[in-house]
Amino acid sequence: MTTYTIEVRAIAEQYDILAQQVARELLQLFDTGGPQGLPDHPGHHHQPPYTLRTAQLYHLTGNLSLPTIEQLTNRLLIDPVTQQATISQTTPTPQAEHIIDVFFHPGVTDTLAESVLTGASMLDITGLQRVETGHRYFLDSRLTRDQLRLITESLLYNPVIQQYTLISQSNTPPKPNVGAQFIAPSDTFHDTSVTSPDPRQDAINRVPTSTMTNEQLLDLSKKGLLALNLDEMRTIQQHYRQEGREPTDVELETLAQTWSEHCSHKTFKATIDYREVDSHGHILEQETIPGLLKHYIMRATQQVERPWVVSAFSDNAGIVRFTETQDIAFKVETHNHPSAIEPFGGANTGVGGVIRDVLGVSAQPIACTDILCFGPPDTPSQHLPPGILSPRRIASGVVNGVRDYGNKMGIPTVNGAILYHSGYIYNPLVFCGCLGILPRGSHPHCVQPGDRIVVLGGRTGRDG
């Protein structure tokens, strides 16, 4: 088993598009008073401009000969007009530049790697077992390690899904920075009192919730990133007391996911006590709203009750009459907080979700749409709390994510809108939609025992 590293670089500066993008973002970072310790503008104090180059990296593992790797590289991985590649089996030694390698965390979806595996199979290249893809950044040797870290963590990687390795000119061996690890401390999710003669049970971690106080339950929710309130944690505690056992960490994670705002829409379903007061505190209006979704959106549709509404709020997507022989399906949904955490993936799966739902009512997707709201792009980075990506970086990732999914599916984005407002600095609005067409009356409604279920698509990564 051999691992080769393929480094694909532009043959000339004008073809290094990623470097040009990063350079623009660096200038924007400086212009908005970026993090302390970053270097001056290129050219200040009569210094030569700072250098910046990038490369696409591929780690190919398998029973492969060097000629086979060369064939794969030349036929699949490079554009010979604008790119060149080097093949090696060792870590590079910096010469006049620092090197930063950025790769995905293990288990995170790597669609480019999947495409390489598929392409190799189409070329009848056997023996390729694993592919990892990443980016390599060559940064000016005058930058200090602190400056390199600031640039990397501000612009080059996202700790939620990626890790980076700094290979500097010093003699210090390279150390990976794995970034944020959203894993609860082991002492939180391990009950040493639970033993079993079955060695397979050793991997099961049970959480001793039955004896926890309210404070301990909330602490468990916080440390485990469950995002559950006290009532929800006490409901879980009571359930497993009745079961006569402790929940496993997987069961807790499953409940947290299922009960999350993203999956269960607690805000939309909650009863709202609304009160409007004037400047003197006098109540002008007061009412109890039995759920925002049902009270406003669904009720308005029901009141309209047009004959051309075939289906609304009862299936994966809404269906309306279009012609005597055709219906159209439409679905929109938001993917806001996922896009705040990982902009490309959040928007990417937002588009994928609405395409999936249009397919789910037996329609053929023909067009996508979106409305995107971000914080002001000139928001200074130092004004943001730790862990919050800059609006400019979120906007860039979201736009790329929307474009990527639609293009790969062959579905055009035919209209949309973008709004910038300070209210969207911490959480953007990513409102994705898909339009489909289907023969009138072709969508089945009755699920019967014995019906076939067909699952399509690639494997879901740990990033969802």
Protein backbone atom coordinates (compact mmCIF):
# COMPACT_ATOMS: atom_id res chain seq x y z
CA MET A 1 0.00 0.00 0.00
CA THR A 2 1.53 3.30 -1.12
CA THR A 3 0.41 6.91 -0.67
CA TYR A 4 1.31 9.51 -3.27
CA THR A 5 0.83 13.27 -2.92
CA ILE A 6 -0.14 15.05 -6.13
CA GLU A 7 0.37 18.82 -6.06
CA VAL A 8 -1.43 20.65 -8.88
CA ARG A 9 -0.34 24.27 -9.44
CA ALA A 10 -1.06 26.98 -11.98
CA ILE A 11 1.68 27.40 -14.57
CA ALA A 12 1.42 31.20 -14.30
CA GLU A 13 0.21 33.72 -11.75
CA GLN A 14 -2.84 34.78 -13.77
CA TYR A 15 -4.20 31.23 -13.61
CA ASP A 16 -3.99 30.94 -9.81
CA ILE A 17 -7.59 32.00 -9.17
CA LEU A 18 -7.66 30.85 -5.54
CA ALA A 19 -4.56 32.92 -4.73
CA GLN A 20 -6.21 35.99 -6.26
CA GLN A 21 -9.32 35.42 -4.15
CA VAL A 22 -7.31 35.01 -0.94
CA ALA A 23 -5.26 38.12 -1.77
CA ARG A 24 -8.46 40.17 -2.11
CA GLU A 25 -9.72 38.83 1.22
CA LEU A 26 -6.40 39.68 2.87
CA LEU A 27 -6.61 43.26 1.61
CA GLN A 28 -10.19 43.46 2.87
CA LEU A 29 -9.04 42.13 6.23
CA PHE A 30 -6.38 44.86 6.45
CA ASP A 31 -8.70 47.61 5.24
CA THR A 32 -11.28 46.84 7.93
CA GLY A 33 -8.71 46.86 10.69
CA GLY A 34 -8.12 43.13 10.86
CA PRO A 35 -6.59 41.16 13.73
CA GLN A 36 -3.61 42.72 15.44
CA GLY A 37 -0.29 41.33 14.31
CA LEU A 38 -1.06 40.93 10.62
CA PRO A 39 1.53 42.47 8.31
CA ASP A 40 1.20 45.86 6.69
CA HIS A 41 -0.16 46.28 3.21
CA PRO A 42 2.13 44.95 0.52
CA GLY A 43 4.40 47.75 -0.56
CA HIS A 44 4.37 49.64 2.76
CA HIS A 45 7.75 50.90 3.95
CA HIS A 46 9.15 50.17 0.48
CA GLN A 47 8.91 46.41 1.03
CA PRO A 48 8.50 44.10 -1.96
CA PRO A 49 4.94 42.73 -2.28
CA TYR A 50 4.14 39.66 -0.23
CA THR A 51 4.03 36.42 -2.20
CA LEU A 52 1.06 34.07 -2.21
CA ARG A 53 0.56 30.92 -4.27
CA THR A 54 -1.84 28.00 -3.97
CA ALA A 55 -2.06 24.39 -5.10
CA GLN A 56 -4.69 21.66 -5.13
CA LEU A 57 -3.56 18.57 -3.21
CA TYR A 58 -4.51 14.93 -3.69
CA HIS A 59 -3.43 12.10 -1.40
CA LEU A 60 -3.87 8.85 -3.36
CA THR A 61 -3.54 5.56 -1.48
CA GLY A 62 -3.58 2.08 -2.95
CA ASN A 63 -1.63 -0.57 -4.79
CA LEU A 64 -0.51 1.76 -7.54
CA SER A 65 2.64 2.03 -9.63
CA LEU A 66 4.22 5.36 -10.48
CA PRO A 67 3.27 5.07 -14.19
CA THR A 68 -0.36 4.49 -13.17
CA ILE A 69 -0.29 7.56 -10.91
CA GLU A 70 1.17 9.60 -13.76
CA GLN A 71 -1.57 8.39 -16.10
CA LEU A 72 -4.28 9.28 -13.56
CA THR A 73 -2.76 12.70 -12.93
CA ASN A 74 -2.36 13.65 -16.58
CA ARG A 75 -5.75 12.38 -17.71
CA LEU A 76 -7.91 13.38 -14.74
CA LEU A 77 -6.34 15.80 -12.27
CA ILE A 78 -4.82 18.61 -14.35
CA ASP A 79 -5.71 20.95 -17.16
CA PRO A 80 -2.50 20.83 -19.23
CA VAL A 81 -3.15 24.30 -20.66
CA THR A 82 -3.06 26.11 -17.30
CA GLN A 83 -1.75 23.61 -14.74
CA GLN A 84 1.21 21.41 -13.90
CA ALA A 85 1.64 18.68 -11.31
CA THR A 86 4.35 17.17 -9.13
CA ILE A 87 4.17 13.69 -7.61
CA SER A 88 5.90 12.82 -4.34
CA GLN A 89 5.78 10.52 -1.34
CA THR A 90 7.35 12.89 1.19
CA THR A 91 6.45 16.07 3.07
CA PRO A 92 7.78 19.14 1.22
CA THR A 93 10.64 21.19 2.64
CA PRO A 94 9.96 24.94 2.50
CA GLN A 95 12.48 26.92 0.51
CA ALA A 96 11.57 30.61 0.29
CA GLU A 97 8.00 30.31 1.58
CA HIS A 98 5.93 28.94 4.43
CA ILE A 99 3.55 26.12 3.54
CA ILE A 100 0.08 25.55 5.00
CA ASP A 101 -1.84 22.38 4.09
CA VAL A 102 -5.60 22.29 4.73
CA PHE A 103 -7.53 19.00 4.69
CA PHE A 104 -10.94 17.81 5.87
CA HIS A 105 -11.43 16.14 9.24
CA PRO A 106 -11.78 12.34 8.95
CA GLY A 107 -15.33 11.44 7.98
CA VAL A 108 -16.27 14.83 6.50
CA THR A 109 -17.76 14.57 3.01
CA ASP A 110 -15.11 15.09 0.31
CA THR A 111 -17.03 15.27 -2.97
CA LEU A 112 -13.90 15.93 -5.04
CA ALA A 113 -12.30 12.77 -3.64
CA GLU A 114 -15.41 10.79 -4.58
CA SER A 115 -15.19 12.20 -8.11
CA VAL A 116 -11.55 11.11 -8.39
CA LEU A 117 -12.46 7.57 -7.37
CA THR A 118 -15.26 7.53 -9.94
CA GLY A 119 -13.01 8.97 -12.63
CA ALA A 120 -10.29 6.42 -11.94
CA SER A 121 -12.82 3.63 -12.32
CA MET A 122 -13.97 5.06 -15.66
CA LEU A 123 -10.33 5.07 -16.80
CA ASP A 124 -10.07 1.37 -15.81
CA ILE A 125 -7.48 2.23 -13.15
CA THR A 126 -7.73 -0.37 -10.40
CA GLY A 127 -5.98 -0.45 -7.06
CA LEU A 128 -6.92 3.09 -5.97
CA GLN A 129 -8.49 2.60 -2.55
CA ARG A 130 -8.57 6.00 -0.91
CA VAL A 131 -8.43 9.66 -1.94
CA GLU A 132 -8.12 12.79 0.20
CA THR A 133 -8.17 16.29 -1.24
CA GLY A 134 -7.03 19.59 0.21
CA HIS A 135 -5.34 22.89 -0.53
CA ARG A 136 -1.75 24.02 -0.12
CA TYR A 137 -0.93 27.67 0.47
CA PHE A 138 2.58 29.08 -0.07
CA LEU A 139 2.94 32.24 2.03
CA ASP A 140 5.72 34.82 2.16
CA SER A 141 8.75 33.84 4.27
CA ARG A 142 8.73 37.23 6.05
CA LEU A 143 5.55 36.32 7.91
CA THR A 144 5.97 35.17 11.51
CA ARG A 145 4.31 32.05 12.89
CA ASP A 146 1.79 34.20 14.78
CA GLN A 147 0.94 36.08 11.60
CA LEU A 148 0.61 32.81 9.69
CA ARG A 149 -1.76 31.45 12.32
CA LEU A 150 -3.89 34.59 12.22
CA ILE A 151 -4.15 34.52 8.43
CA THR A 152 -4.92 30.80 8.39
CA GLU A 153 -7.57 30.92 11.07
CA SER A 154 -9.15 34.09 9.64
CA LEU A 155 -9.30 33.06 5.99
CA LEU A 156 -7.94 29.66 5.01
CA TYR A 157 -9.78 27.02 7.02
CA ASN A 158 -12.94 26.31 8.99
CA PRO A 159 -12.28 24.37 12.23
CA VAL A 160 -15.72 22.76 12.08
CA ILE A 161 -14.80 20.65 9.04
CA GLN A 162 -11.07 21.13 8.44
CA GLN A 163 -7.62 20.86 9.98
CA TYR A 164 -4.39 22.48 8.88
CA THR A 165 -0.67 21.77 9.09
CA LEU A 166 1.93 24.54 9.10
CA ILE A 167 5.24 23.62 7.50
CA SER A 168 7.54 26.54 8.25
CA GLN A 169 11.18 27.24 7.55
CA SER A 170 12.15 26.53 11.14
CA ASN A 171 13.46 23.14 12.17
CA THR A 172 10.31 22.47 14.17
CA PRO A 173 8.50 19.44 12.72
CA PRO A 174 5.06 20.21 11.27
CA LYS A 175 2.16 19.97 13.69
CA PRO A 176 -1.45 19.60 12.61
CA ASN A 177 -4.03 21.93 14.09
CA VAL A 178 -7.24 19.95 14.18
CA GLY A 179 -9.35 22.93 15.17
CA ALA A 180 -12.56 22.67 17.14
CA GLN A 181 -13.58 19.24 18.35
CA PHE A 182 -17.30 19.11 19.08
CA ILE A 183 -17.05 16.10 21.35
CA ALA A 184 -18.13 16.08 24.97
CA PRO A 185 -15.44 15.32 27.59
CA SER A 186 -15.07 11.60 28.11
CA ASP A 187 -15.90 11.83 31.82
CA THR A 188 -19.27 13.34 30.90
CA PHE A 189 -20.30 10.50 28.63
CA HIS A 190 -18.91 7.51 30.48
CA ASP A 191 -20.47 5.52 33.28
CA THR A 192 -17.81 3.33 34.89
CA SER A 193 -20.45 1.50 36.91
CA VAL A 194 -21.83 -0.15 33.78
CA THR A 195 -19.99 -3.36 32.97
CA SER A 196 -20.74 -6.26 30.70
CA PRO A 197 -19.10 -9.59 29.97
CA ASP A 198 -19.69 -8.93 26.28
CA PRO A 199 -16.57 -7.15 24.94
CA ARG A 200 -18.67 -5.49 22.26
CA GLN A 201 -20.38 -3.51 25.04
CA ASP A 202 -17.11 -1.77 25.92
CA ALA A 203 -17.72 0.74 23.14
CA ILE A 204 -21.11 1.76 24.58
CA ASN A 205 -20.95 4.84 26.78
CA ARG A 206 -23.90 5.33 29.09
CA VAL A 207 -24.67 8.69 30.64
CA PRO A 208 -25.78 8.60 34.31
CA THR A 209 -28.69 11.05 34.01
CA SER A 210 -30.98 9.40 36.57
CA THR A 211 -29.24 10.92 39.60
CA MET A 212 -28.36 14.30 38.08
CA THR A 213 -29.60 17.55 39.58
CA ASN A 214 -31.11 20.29 37.42
CA GLU A 215 -27.75 22.07 37.34
CA GLN A 216 -25.96 18.89 36.26
CA LEU A 217 -28.52 18.24 33.52
CA LEU A 218 -28.00 21.74 32.11
CA ASP A 219 -24.23 21.31 32.38
CA LEU A 220 -24.48 18.04 30.45
CA SER A 221 -26.52 19.75 27.74
CA LYS A 222 -23.98 22.56 27.48
CA LYS A 223 -20.83 20.42 27.49
CA GLY A 224 -22.32 17.89 25.10
CA LEU A 225 -23.56 20.67 22.78
CA LEU A 226 -27.05 19.15 22.97
CA ALA A 227 -28.75 22.58 23.04
CA LEU A 228 -31.63 21.20 25.13
CA ASN A 229 -33.32 23.21 27.86
CA LEU A 230 -34.05 22.01 31.38
CA ASP A 231 -37.59 20.80 30.64
CA GLU A 232 -36.29 18.71 27.74
CA MET A 233 -33.42 17.29 29.78
CA ARG A 234 -35.80 16.40 32.63
CA THR A 235 -38.14 14.70 30.15
CA ILE A 236 -35.23 12.54 28.97
CA GLN A 237 -34.23 11.83 32.55
CA GLN A 238 -37.76 10.73 33.49
CA HIS A 239 -38.11 8.53 30.41
CA TYR A 240 -34.98 6.53 31.13
CA ARG A 241 -35.86 6.26 34.81
CA GLN A 242 -39.06 4.54 33.69
CA GLU A 243 -37.00 2.37 31.35
CA GLY A 244 -34.85 1.35 34.29
CA ARG A 245 -31.57 2.21 32.59
CA GLU A 246 -29.29 5.07 31.59
CA PRO A 247 -29.25 6.51 28.04
CA THR A 248 -26.28 5.96 25.78
CA ASP A 249 -24.38 8.88 24.31
CA VAL A 250 -25.78 7.97 20.89
CA GLU A 251 -29.34 8.07 22.22
CA LEU A 252 -28.74 11.50 23.74
CA GLU A 253 -27.29 12.78 20.47
CA THR A 254 -30.25 11.34 18.55
CA LEU A 255 -32.76 13.05 20.83
CA ALA A 256 -30.84 16.33 20.64
CA GLN A 257 -30.84 16.19 16.84
CA THR A 258 -34.51 15.23 16.62
CA TRP A 259 -35.58 17.91 19.09
CA SER A 260 -33.34 20.60 17.61
CA GLU A 261 -34.73 23.82 16.20
CA HIS A 262 -33.47 22.77 12.78
CA CYS A 263 -35.39 19.47 12.77
CA SER A 264 -38.49 20.14 14.88
CA HIS A 265 -39.03 23.89 14.33
CA LYS A 266 -39.78 24.61 17.97
CA THR A 267 -40.17 28.35 17.40
CA PHE A 268 -42.73 27.87 14.61
CA LYS A 269 -44.74 25.38 16.69
CA ALA A 270 -44.51 27.14 20.05
CA THR A 271 -47.39 29.05 21.61
CA ILE A 272 -46.50 32.75 21.57
CA ASP A 273 -47.78 35.22 24.16
CA TYR A 274 -47.67 38.49 22.22
CA ARG A 275 -48.00 41.91 23.82
CA GLU A 276 -47.52 45.36 22.28
CA VAL A 277 -46.99 48.37 24.55
CA ASP A 278 -46.52 52.09 24.00
CA SER A 279 -43.72 54.28 25.33
CA HIS A 280 -45.53 54.58 28.69
CA GLY A 281 -45.89 50.84 29.13
CA HIS A 282 -49.61 50.77 28.36
CA ILE A 283 -50.77 47.61 26.62
CA LEU A 284 -52.00 48.40 23.12
CA GLU A 285 -52.60 44.86 21.97
CA GLN A 286 -52.31 41.41 23.47
CA GLU A 287 -52.98 37.95 22.11
CA THR A 288 -51.94 34.32 22.37
CA ILE A 289 -50.73 32.87 19.07
CA PRO A 290 -51.12 29.06 18.86
CA GLY A 291 -48.10 28.51 16.65
CA LEU A 292 -46.71 30.94 14.06
CA LEU A 293 -46.77 28.44 11.19
CA LYS A 294 -50.36 27.29 11.64
CA HIS A 295 -51.78 30.63 12.76
CA TYR A 296 -50.35 32.76 9.94
CA ILE A 297 -48.87 30.86 7.01
CA MET A 298 -51.05 27.74 6.93
CA ARG A 299 -54.23 29.62 7.87
CA ALA A 300 -53.73 32.16 5.08
CA THR A 301 -53.39 29.37 2.53
CA GLN A 302 -56.50 27.63 3.86
CA GLN A 303 -58.50 30.85 3.73
CA VAL A 304 -57.54 31.43 0.10
CA GLU A 305 -58.56 27.85 -0.80
CA ARG A 306 -58.07 28.18 -4.54
CA PRO A 307 -59.08 25.24 -6.74
CA TRP A 308 -55.68 25.23 -8.41
CA VAL A 309 -53.92 24.38 -5.11
CA VAL A 310 -53.46 20.62 -5.38
CA SER A 311 -51.40 20.08 -2.24
CA ALA A 312 -50.04 22.40 0.47
CA PHE A 313 -48.38 21.65 3.82
CA SER A 314 -49.09 17.94 3.47
CA ASP A 315 -46.18 16.56 1.45
CA ASN A 316 -42.53 17.14 0.63
CA ALA A 317 -43.41 20.07 -1.65
CA GLY A 318 -46.48 22.08 -2.62
CA ILE A 319 -48.26 21.27 -5.90
CA VAL A 320 -50.41 23.62 -7.99
CA ARG A 321 -52.19 23.31 -11.34
CA PHE A 322 -50.23 24.60 -14.34
CA THR A 323 -51.91 23.35 -17.52
CA GLU A 324 -54.53 20.78 -18.40
CA THR A 325 -51.83 18.11 -18.43
CA GLN A 326 -49.07 19.43 -16.15
CA ASP A 327 -48.74 20.44 -12.50
CA ILE A 328 -45.85 22.33 -10.94
CA ALA A 329 -44.22 21.64 -7.59
CA PHE A 330 -42.45 24.23 -5.48
CA LYS A 331 -40.49 23.97 -2.26
CA VAL A 332 -38.55 26.56 -0.27
CA GLU A 333 -36.68 26.20 3.00
CA THR A 334 -34.11 28.06 5.05
CA HIS A 335 -30.67 26.74 5.93
CA ASN A 336 -29.55 29.60 8.12
CA HIS A 337 -27.50 28.39 11.07
CA PRO A 338 -25.83 25.54 9.15
CA SER A 339 -24.63 28.21 6.71
CA ALA A 340 -23.32 30.35 9.58
CA ILE A 341 -21.23 27.43 10.82
CA GLU A 342 -20.05 26.08 7.45
CA PRO A 343 -21.21 28.41 4.65
CA PHE A 344 -20.47 26.23 1.63
CA GLY A 345 -21.88 23.02 3.08
CA GLY A 346 -24.85 24.75 4.70
CA ALA A 347 -25.99 26.39 1.47
CA ASN A 348 -25.05 23.32 -0.58
CA THR A 349 -27.29 21.01 1.42
CA GLY A 350 -30.01 23.67 1.55
CA VAL A 351 -30.27 23.56 -2.23
CA GLY A 352 -29.99 19.78 -2.17
CA GLY A 353 -32.84 19.56 0.32
CA VAL A 354 -35.35 21.44 -1.81
CA ILE A 355 -34.33 19.52 -4.95
CA ARG A 356 -34.85 16.30 -2.99
CA ASP A 357 -38.30 17.41 -1.83
CA VAL A 358 -39.44 18.32 -5.35
CA LEU A 359 -38.29 14.88 -6.48
CA GLY A 360 -40.23 13.52 -3.50
CA VAL A 361 -43.55 14.54 -5.09
CA SER A 362 -42.67 12.84 -8.40
CA ALA A 363 -41.69 16.09 -10.14
CA GLN A 364 -38.69 16.81 -12.36
CA PRO A 365 -36.68 19.76 -10.95
CA ILE A 366 -36.19 22.44 -13.61
CA ALA A 367 -35.07 25.60 -11.75
CA CYS A 368 -33.69 26.86 -8.44
CA THR A 369 -34.12 30.19 -6.70
CA ASP A 370 -32.69 31.82 -3.60
CA ILE A 371 -32.88 34.85 -1.31
CA LEU A 372 -29.70 35.49 0.68
CA CYS A 373 -29.26 37.93 3.57
CA PHE A 374 -25.84 38.67 5.10
CA GLY A 375 -24.23 41.12 7.47
CA PRO A 376 -22.45 44.15 5.96
CA PRO A 377 -19.41 42.85 4.03
CA ASP A 378 -17.16 45.55 5.53
CA THR A 379 -17.83 44.41 9.12
CA PRO A 380 -14.43 44.50 10.94
CA SER A 381 -13.29 41.03 11.98
CA GLN A 382 -12.14 42.21 15.40
CA HIS A 383 -15.72 43.22 16.21
CA LEU A 384 -16.91 39.61 15.91
CA PRO A 385 -16.95 37.15 18.83
CA PRO A 386 -14.67 34.08 18.65
CA GLY A 387 -16.08 31.39 16.39
CA ILE A 388 -18.14 33.79 14.25
CA LEU A 389 -17.14 33.91 10.59
CA SER A 390 -17.01 37.29 8.87
CA PRO A 391 -20.03 38.24 6.71
CA ARG A 392 -17.80 38.45 3.64
CA ARG A 393 -16.54 34.91 4.20
CA ILE A 394 -20.07 33.61 4.86
CA ALA A 395 -21.39 35.29 1.71
CA SER A 396 -18.60 33.87 -0.45
CA GLY A 397 -19.13 30.34 0.88
CA VAL A 398 -22.93 30.48 0.58
CA VAL A 399 -22.89 31.75 -3.01
CA ASN A 400 -20.37 29.06 -3.96
CA GLY A 401 -22.47 26.40 -2.22
CA VAL A 402 -25.67 27.40 -4.02
CA ARG A 403 -23.91 27.51 -7.37
CA ASP A 404 -22.06 24.22 -6.85
CA TYR A 405 -25.08 22.03 -6.11
CA GLY A 406 -27.30 23.44 -8.85
CA ASN A 407 -24.56 23.26 -11.47
CA LYS A 408 -23.65 19.67 -10.65
CA MET A 409 -27.31 18.69 -10.88
CA GLY A 410 -27.73 20.61 -14.14
CA ILE A 411 -30.46 22.80 -12.61
CA PRO A 412 -30.09 26.56 -13.21
CA THR A 413 -30.65 29.20 -10.54
CA VAL A 414 -33.02 31.47 -12.45
CA ASN A 415 -33.60 34.29 -9.96
CA GLY A 416 -32.76 35.49 -6.49
CA ALA A 417 -31.94 38.42 -4.25
CA ILE A 418 -29.19 39.49 -1.84
CA LEU A 419 -29.65 41.81 1.13
CA TYR A 420 -27.00 43.17 3.51
CA HIS A 421 -28.05 44.23 7.01
CA SER A 422 -26.42 44.27 10.44
CA GLY A 423 -29.16 41.99 11.76
CA TYR A 424 -27.65 39.12 9.77
CA ILE A 425 -24.06 39.39 11.06
CA TYR A 426 -24.30 36.39 13.38
CA ASN A 427 -26.84 34.32 11.47
CA PRO A 428 -27.45 34.75 7.72
CA LEU A 429 -30.74 34.03 5.98
CA VAL A 430 -30.23 31.39 3.30
CA PHE A 431 -33.61 30.84 1.67
CA CYS A 432 -33.40 28.19 -1.05
CA GLY A 433 -36.14 27.12 -3.45
CA CYS A 434 -36.72 24.64 -6.26
CA LEU A 435 -39.37 24.43 -8.99
CA GLY A 436 -40.38 21.18 -10.67
CA ILE A 437 -42.90 19.95 -13.20
CA LEU A 438 -44.92 16.72 -13.22
CA PRO A 439 -47.74 15.15 -15.24
CA ARG A 440 -51.08 16.05 -13.72
CA GLY A 441 -52.21 13.50 -11.15
CA SER A 442 -49.00 11.48 -11.34
CA HIS A 443 -47.97 11.82 -7.70
CA PRO A 444 -49.09 8.80 -5.65
CA HIS A 445 -50.57 9.48 -2.22
CA CYS A 446 -51.20 6.11 -0.60
CA VAL A 447 -48.27 4.24 0.89
CA GLN A 448 -48.98 0.50 0.99
CA PRO A 449 -47.25 -2.41 2.73
CA GLY A 450 -44.88 -4.04 0.28
CA ASP A 451 -44.07 -0.83 -1.62
CA ARG A 452 -40.48 -0.63 -2.80
CA ILE A 453 -38.13 1.98 -1.32
CA VAL A 454 -35.24 3.19 -3.47
CA VAL A 455 -32.40 5.13 -1.84
CA LEU A 456 -30.32 7.34 -4.14
CA GLY A 457 -27.19 9.40 -3.50
CA GLY A 458 -23.76 9.23 -1.95
CA ARG A 459 -22.86 8.34 1.61
CA THR A 460 -23.55 10.98 4.22
CA GLY A 461 -20.41 12.20 5.97
CA ARG A 462 -19.96 13.05 9.63
CA ASP A 463 -20.64 16.67 8.69
CA GLY A 464 -24.19 15.75 7.62
